[in-house]
Amino acid sequence: MSKNIWVLPEIDPADSEVGKLGLGLLAEARNIALKAGGTVTALIFTDRPHDISGLPGRQGISRAYVFQDPIFSSFSVAAYAAALLPRLRQENPWLFIMGNTSLGKELAPHLAVLLETGIVSDCAKIDLSQPEQPKFYRPVYGGQLYQELVFETDKTMLVTMDAKALSPTPPAATVKAKTIVIESNLPADLIKTAHLEYFPADFQTVDIAEADTVVSAGLGAATDELYPLVAELAALVEGAIGTTRPVVDGGKIPRERMIGQTGKTVSPNFYLALGISGATHHTGGIQESGKIVAVNRDPQAPIFQNADAGAVADLHEVLPRLITRIKRAKADGEIL
């Protein structure tokens, strides 16, 4: 079987840039093709014509299928599967990877049933030391262990991958890509459900592993006096509240908010560590964060070694002032 790797990077042709997930999936597909000796085909869905002739090539992808149909104005598992199935059966790609997103979680198992093949969901790592029989690893028991899986089939291997397991490295060079537009012409009554609107995730209840902003309270901040201020600050910056193991063990904050080696790994754009000493158990779970800022009154706290910026200060003084400053900035229109 030809080692043709299909990848669904969830690119919206109307956007000027490829998102983090898409970049990571495309980089992973290129890496797999390089190690296994295959080629990559990117899949793009759009509801109207767009000029994307240069997009795949800029990402180092030599071929792209653009599925075009007004029915693709919003995601429908029935429509996507109906468009993909004829090509999948005709070409029988070796591997098909997509994001472990709401789209991927619905589409991948749907295709697995139709193709009578297997699926590895939430894959964290692919071992290609034996390209003819790759090994796939997915976290189990809350990420404390990894399950090893091997496909025993000559049909397409379906895999969904989490953005945190991907490295969005740029391609070594731009290539000349072949873009094939496929007008699906699917019947409108194929879709049995109607998409009404999107609701943004509630920052107060969203899984901290998915949050864009995390305000984390250690023992120095999770006191009866300070924690209400931490919660107020988190609400002001629309941040999910995280914490450390000692705070959870003390019963102050629920376990699902714990960050660290036996908790959750986070990758927010902004991570604020309040009263956190910085034990390796905790810092091991924040390494993928974009910007890390720490506040601790101990100048020797290890958290500062992991922070992009830090302040040696007493939270009793810092938090009220910071809250007042943010409120004033919002009232003045300096921040929205």
Protein backbone atom coordinates (compact mmCIF):
# COMPACT_ATOMS: atom_id res chain seq x y z
CA MET A 1 0.00 0.00 0.00
CA SER A 2 1.23 3.47 -0.86
CA LYS A 3 1.96 5.43 2.30
CA ASN A 4 -0.31 8.32 1.51
CA ILE A 5 -1.03 10.34 4.66
CA TRP A 6 -4.23 12.33 4.77
CA VAL A 7 -4.53 15.21 7.21
CA LEU A 8 -7.55 17.34 8.12
CA PRO A 9 -6.11 20.55 9.64
CA GLU A 10 -9.51 22.29 10.00
CA ILE A 11 -8.42 25.22 7.86
CA ASP A 12 -11.01 27.87 7.05
CA PRO A 13 -10.01 29.24 3.61
CA ALA A 14 -11.53 32.60 4.58
CA ASP A 15 -8.90 33.03 7.33
CA SER A 16 -5.57 34.60 6.49
CA GLU A 17 -3.62 32.33 8.84
CA VAL A 18 -3.58 28.64 9.73
CA GLY A 19 -4.40 28.02 13.40
CA LYS A 20 -2.16 26.32 15.95
CA LEU A 21 -3.94 22.99 15.61
CA GLY A 22 -3.70 23.06 11.82
CA LEU A 23 0.00 23.94 11.88
CA GLY A 24 0.66 21.14 14.34
CA LEU A 25 -1.24 18.54 12.30
CA LEU A 26 0.47 19.56 9.07
CA ALA A 27 3.88 19.40 10.75
CA GLU A 28 3.08 15.96 12.15
CA ALA A 29 1.94 14.74 8.73
CA ARG A 30 5.15 16.01 7.10
CA ASN A 31 7.24 14.32 9.78
CA ILE A 32 5.42 11.00 9.34
CA ALA A 33 5.81 11.16 5.55
CA LEU A 34 9.52 11.85 5.92
CA LYS A 35 10.11 8.91 8.25
CA ALA A 36 7.77 6.45 6.51
CA GLY A 37 8.59 7.47 2.95
CA GLY A 38 5.12 8.71 2.04
CA THR A 39 3.27 11.74 0.68
CA VAL A 40 0.83 14.11 2.35
CA THR A 41 -2.61 15.18 1.19
CA ALA A 42 -4.31 18.02 3.08
CA LEU A 43 -8.11 18.15 3.18
CA ILE A 44 -9.95 21.46 3.18
CA PHE A 45 -13.71 22.03 3.33
CA THR A 46 -15.34 25.25 2.16
CA ASP A 47 -18.83 26.45 1.28
CA ARG A 48 -17.70 28.75 -1.56
CA PRO A 49 -14.76 29.28 -3.93
CA HIS A 50 -11.54 30.59 -2.42
CA ASP A 51 -8.10 31.03 -3.91
CA ILE A 52 -5.96 28.78 -1.73
CA SER A 53 -3.50 27.79 -4.45
CA GLY A 54 -0.50 28.90 -2.42
CA LEU A 55 -1.60 27.77 1.05
CA PRO A 56 -0.67 24.05 0.98
CA GLY A 57 2.69 24.72 -0.64
CA ARG A 58 3.63 27.30 2.01
CA GLN A 59 3.06 24.57 4.59
CA GLY A 60 5.27 22.09 2.75
CA ILE A 61 2.30 20.03 1.54
CA SER A 62 2.45 18.81 -2.06
CA ARG A 63 -1.23 17.97 -2.59
CA ALA A 64 -4.58 19.20 -1.30
CA TYR A 65 -8.19 18.22 -1.84
CA VAL A 66 -10.60 21.13 -1.51
CA PHE A 67 -14.15 19.90 -0.94
CA GLN A 68 -16.49 22.67 -2.04
CA ASP A 69 -20.23 22.76 -1.41
CA PRO A 70 -22.66 25.26 0.18
CA ILE A 71 -23.54 22.49 2.63
CA PHE A 72 -20.13 22.97 4.27
CA SER A 73 -21.06 26.38 5.71
CA SER A 74 -20.98 24.58 9.08
CA PHE A 75 -19.70 21.19 10.12
CA SER A 76 -21.93 18.18 9.61
CA VAL A 77 -20.55 14.70 10.18
CA ALA A 78 -22.97 13.29 7.60
CA ALA A 79 -21.89 15.80 4.93
CA TYR A 80 -18.16 15.47 5.61
CA ALA A 81 -18.36 11.66 5.61
CA ALA A 82 -20.42 11.60 2.39
CA ALA A 83 -17.84 13.80 0.65
CA LEU A 84 -14.85 11.86 1.94
CA LEU A 85 -16.06 8.29 1.61
CA PRO A 86 -15.77 7.84 -2.20
CA ARG A 87 -12.18 9.17 -2.18
CA LEU A 88 -11.26 7.16 0.90
CA ARG A 89 -12.48 3.94 -0.68
CA GLN A 90 -10.83 4.75 -3.99
CA GLU A 91 -7.41 5.73 -2.64
CA ASN A 92 -7.32 3.81 0.66
CA PRO A 93 -4.76 6.13 2.30
CA TRP A 94 -2.34 4.51 4.71
CA LEU A 95 -3.02 6.96 7.55
CA PHE A 96 -5.63 9.65 8.19
CA ILE A 97 -4.92 12.08 11.05
CA MET A 98 -7.16 14.82 12.39
CA GLY A 99 -7.50 16.87 15.55
CA ASN A 100 -8.96 15.47 18.74
CA THR A 101 -11.52 18.26 18.54
CA SER A 102 -15.31 18.17 18.54
CA LEU A 103 -15.07 17.72 14.76
CA GLY A 104 -12.49 14.94 14.91
CA LYS A 105 -14.15 13.16 17.82
CA GLU A 106 -17.36 12.92 15.78
CA LEU A 107 -15.96 12.35 12.28
CA ALA A 108 -13.23 9.79 13.00
CA PRO A 109 -15.42 7.11 14.65
CA HIS A 110 -18.12 7.70 12.02
CA LEU A 111 -15.62 6.98 9.25
CA ALA A 112 -14.16 4.04 11.19
CA VAL A 113 -17.56 2.33 11.16
CA LEU A 114 -18.17 3.02 7.47
CA LEU A 115 -14.68 1.82 6.48
CA GLU A 116 -14.70 -1.07 8.95
CA THR A 117 -11.34 -0.03 10.34
CA GLY A 118 -9.91 0.99 13.70
CA ILE A 119 -9.27 4.31 15.38
CA VAL A 120 -6.82 5.68 17.94
CA SER A 121 -8.36 8.66 19.70
CA ASP A 122 -6.43 11.32 21.62
CA CYS A 123 -3.09 10.03 20.31
CA ALA A 124 -0.12 11.65 22.06
CA LYS A 125 2.77 10.03 20.20
CA ILE A 126 3.47 7.95 17.09
CA ASP A 127 6.50 5.63 17.06
CA LEU A 128 7.78 5.13 13.51
CA SER A 129 10.92 3.15 14.35
CA GLN A 130 9.23 0.34 12.37
CA PRO A 131 7.42 2.27 9.59
CA GLU A 132 5.55 -0.80 8.38
CA GLN A 133 3.92 -1.20 11.78
CA PRO A 134 3.78 2.13 13.63
CA LYS A 135 2.92 2.21 17.31
CA PHE A 136 0.43 4.71 18.67
CA TYR A 137 0.31 5.93 22.26
CA ARG A 138 -2.65 7.48 24.04
CA PRO A 139 -2.93 8.65 27.68
CA VAL A 140 -4.96 6.59 30.14
CA TYR A 141 -5.71 6.87 33.88
CA GLY A 142 -5.71 10.65 33.75
CA GLY A 143 -2.45 10.79 31.83
CA GLN A 144 -0.48 8.78 34.38
CA LEU A 145 0.10 5.92 31.92
CA TYR A 146 0.16 5.47 28.15
CA GLN A 147 -1.58 2.74 26.21
CA GLU A 148 0.31 1.29 23.24
CA LEU A 149 -1.76 0.36 20.18
CA VAL A 150 -0.88 -1.27 16.87
CA PHE A 151 -3.21 -1.61 13.87
CA GLU A 152 -3.60 -5.07 12.34
CA THR A 153 -5.36 -4.09 9.13
CA ASP A 154 -4.63 -3.15 5.54
CA LYS A 155 -7.30 -0.47 5.70
CA THR A 156 -6.84 3.20 6.54
CA MET A 157 -5.60 3.87 10.07
CA LEU A 158 -7.64 6.66 11.66
CA VAL A 159 -6.01 8.78 14.36
CA THR A 160 -7.07 11.90 16.27
CA MET A 161 -4.39 14.01 17.97
CA ASP A 162 -4.60 16.69 20.63
CA ALA A 163 -3.06 20.10 19.88
CA LYS A 164 -0.88 19.79 23.02
CA ALA A 165 0.78 16.68 21.55
CA LEU A 166 1.75 18.51 18.38
CA SER A 167 4.66 20.78 17.57
CA PRO A 168 3.73 23.41 14.94
CA THR A 169 7.20 23.60 13.40
CA PRO A 170 7.40 25.43 10.05
CA PRO A 171 8.31 23.49 6.89
CA ALA A 172 11.93 23.39 5.73
CA ALA A 173 10.90 24.90 2.40
CA THR A 174 7.92 25.91 0.31
CA VAL A 175 6.87 23.35 -2.29
CA LYS A 176 4.80 23.45 -5.44
CA ALA A 177 1.43 22.00 -4.51
CA LYS A 178 -1.26 20.40 -6.63
CA THR A 179 -4.70 21.59 -5.50
CA ILE A 180 -7.71 19.56 -6.61
CA VAL A 181 -11.14 21.14 -6.14
CA ILE A 182 -13.96 18.63 -5.61
CA GLU A 183 -17.49 19.98 -5.98
CA SER A 184 -19.41 17.56 -3.80
CA ASN A 185 -22.97 18.54 -4.86
CA LEU A 186 -24.48 16.84 -1.83
CA PRO A 187 -28.27 16.87 -1.35
CA ALA A 188 -29.45 19.42 1.20
CA ASP A 189 -31.63 16.85 2.96
CA LEU A 190 -28.52 14.86 3.84
CA ILE A 191 -28.22 16.93 7.00
CA LYS A 192 -30.81 15.98 9.60
CA THR A 193 -29.79 18.59 12.16
CA ALA A 194 -29.51 22.37 11.91
CA HIS A 195 -26.61 24.45 13.19
CA LEU A 196 -27.95 27.54 14.94
CA GLU A 197 -25.02 29.33 16.57
CA TYR A 198 -21.80 28.90 18.52
CA PHE A 199 -21.59 29.66 22.23
CA PRO A 200 -18.18 30.53 23.67
CA ALA A 201 -16.93 28.31 26.47
CA ASP A 202 -17.60 29.57 30.00
CA PHE A 203 -14.14 30.51 31.28
CA GLN A 204 -15.23 29.72 34.84
CA THR A 205 -16.19 26.12 34.12
CA VAL A 206 -14.08 25.23 31.08
CA ASP A 207 -11.59 22.40 31.49
CA ILE A 208 -8.30 24.07 32.51
CA ALA A 209 -6.52 21.96 29.89
CA GLU A 210 -8.49 23.88 27.24
CA ALA A 211 -8.34 27.38 28.79
CA ASP A 212 -6.62 30.29 27.05
CA THR A 213 -5.94 32.03 30.38
CA VAL A 214 -5.23 30.32 33.70
CA VAL A 215 -4.99 32.00 37.11
CA SER A 216 -3.46 29.48 39.48
CA ALA A 217 -3.56 29.66 43.27
CA GLY A 218 -0.94 27.95 45.42
CA LEU A 219 -0.90 27.61 49.20
CA GLY A 220 0.08 31.26 49.47
CA ALA A 221 -3.06 32.37 47.63
CA ALA A 222 -5.69 29.78 48.54
CA THR A 223 -6.33 31.18 52.01
CA ASP A 224 -9.75 32.20 53.29
CA GLU A 225 -8.70 35.85 53.01
CA LEU A 226 -7.01 35.80 49.61
CA TYR A 227 -8.93 33.25 47.58
CA PRO A 228 -11.99 35.50 47.01
CA LEU A 229 -9.59 38.06 45.52
CA VAL A 230 -8.02 35.36 43.30
CA ALA A 231 -11.49 34.40 42.07
CA GLU A 232 -12.37 38.06 41.40
CA LEU A 233 -9.13 38.57 39.46
CA ALA A 234 -9.75 35.41 37.41
CA ALA A 235 -13.23 36.65 36.53
CA LEU A 236 -11.87 40.03 35.45
CA VAL A 237 -9.33 38.48 33.04
CA GLU A 238 -11.72 35.66 32.05
CA GLY A 239 -9.29 33.06 33.31
CA ALA A 240 -9.90 29.52 34.49
CA ILE A 241 -8.75 28.84 38.05
CA GLY A 242 -6.00 26.27 38.49
CA THR A 243 -4.15 25.08 41.55
CA THR A 244 -1.45 22.85 43.00
CA ARG A 245 -1.47 19.49 44.70
CA PRO A 246 -1.10 20.77 48.31
CA VAL A 247 -4.15 23.00 47.86
CA VAL A 248 -6.20 20.10 46.52
CA ASP A 249 -5.00 17.82 49.33
CA GLY A 250 -6.16 20.49 51.77
CA GLY A 251 -9.64 20.44 50.25
CA LYS A 252 -9.59 24.09 49.18
CA ILE A 253 -10.05 23.60 45.39
CA PRO A 254 -11.48 20.57 43.52
CA ARG A 255 -9.06 17.98 42.09
CA GLU A 256 -10.12 18.64 38.48
CA ARG A 257 -8.40 22.04 38.84
CA MET A 258 -5.02 20.53 39.80
CA ILE A 259 -2.11 21.17 37.45
CA GLY A 260 1.00 19.02 37.46
CA GLN A 261 2.43 15.58 36.87
CA THR A 262 -0.51 13.79 38.50
CA GLY A 263 -2.96 16.52 37.55
CA LYS A 264 -3.52 18.20 34.21
CA THR A 265 -1.11 19.64 31.68
CA VAL A 266 -2.10 23.11 30.50
CA SER A 267 -1.05 25.24 27.54
CA PRO A 268 -2.78 28.61 27.93
CA ASN A 269 -1.63 31.76 26.20
CA PHE A 270 -1.20 33.33 29.66
CA TYR A 271 -0.50 31.58 32.96
CA LEU A 272 -0.52 33.55 36.23
CA ALA A 273 1.00 31.74 39.22
CA LEU A 274 -0.04 33.26 42.55
CA GLY A 275 1.62 32.09 45.76
CA ILE A 276 3.04 28.99 44.05
CA SER A 277 6.51 27.86 45.12
CA GLY A 278 7.18 25.99 41.89
CA ALA A 279 7.76 22.33 42.79
CA THR A 280 8.66 20.16 39.80
CA HIS A 281 5.39 18.27 40.27
CA HIS A 282 3.56 21.46 39.33
CA THR A 283 5.90 23.10 36.82
CA GLY A 284 5.95 19.91 34.76
CA GLY A 285 2.35 20.69 33.84
CA ILE A 286 2.83 24.31 32.69
CA GLN A 287 5.79 24.08 30.31
CA GLU A 288 3.62 24.47 27.20
CA SER A 289 2.16 27.80 28.40
CA GLY A 290 2.69 30.85 26.23
CA LYS A 291 3.55 33.50 28.85
CA ILE A 292 4.13 32.60 32.50
CA VAL A 293 4.00 35.32 35.16
CA ALA A 294 4.62 34.53 38.83
CA VAL A 295 4.00 36.45 42.06
CA ASN A 296 5.56 35.15 45.27
CA ARG A 297 6.98 36.83 48.34
CA ASP A 298 9.93 34.39 48.46
CA PRO A 299 12.67 35.63 46.09
CA GLN A 300 14.16 32.13 46.05
CA ALA A 301 10.95 30.40 44.97
CA PRO A 302 11.72 27.95 42.13
CA ILE A 303 8.67 29.17 40.19
CA PHE A 304 10.67 32.20 39.07
CA GLN A 305 13.04 29.91 37.15
CA ASN A 306 10.08 28.81 35.01
CA ALA A 307 8.49 32.24 34.59
CA ASP A 308 8.86 34.76 31.78
CA ALA A 309 8.23 37.54 34.30
CA GLY A 310 7.87 37.65 38.05
CA ALA A 311 7.32 39.89 41.04
CA VAL A 312 8.56 39.39 44.59
CA ALA A 313 5.60 40.79 46.48
CA ASP A 314 2.95 40.16 49.11
CA LEU A 315 -0.37 39.09 47.56
CA HIS A 316 -2.25 40.96 50.31
CA GLU A 317 -0.94 44.16 48.72
CA VAL A 318 -0.75 43.11 45.07
CA LEU A 319 -4.17 41.58 44.50
CA PRO A 320 -6.36 44.51 45.63
CA ARG A 321 -4.24 46.96 43.64
CA LEU A 322 -4.23 44.76 40.53
CA ILE A 323 -7.99 44.29 40.68
CA THR A 324 -8.55 48.03 41.08
CA ARG A 325 -6.19 48.77 38.16
CA ILE A 326 -7.92 46.30 35.83
CA LYS A 327 -11.37 47.62 36.74
CA ARG A 328 -10.24 51.19 36.05
CA ALA A 329 -8.70 50.17 32.72
CA LYS A 330 -11.94 48.46 31.69
CA ALA A 331 -14.01 51.48 32.70
CA ASP A 332 -11.70 53.78 30.71
CA GLY A 333 -11.83 51.51 27.65
CA GLU A 334 -8.13 50.68 27.81
CA ILE A 335 -9.02 47.00 27.80
CA LEU A 336 -12.24 45.29 26.78
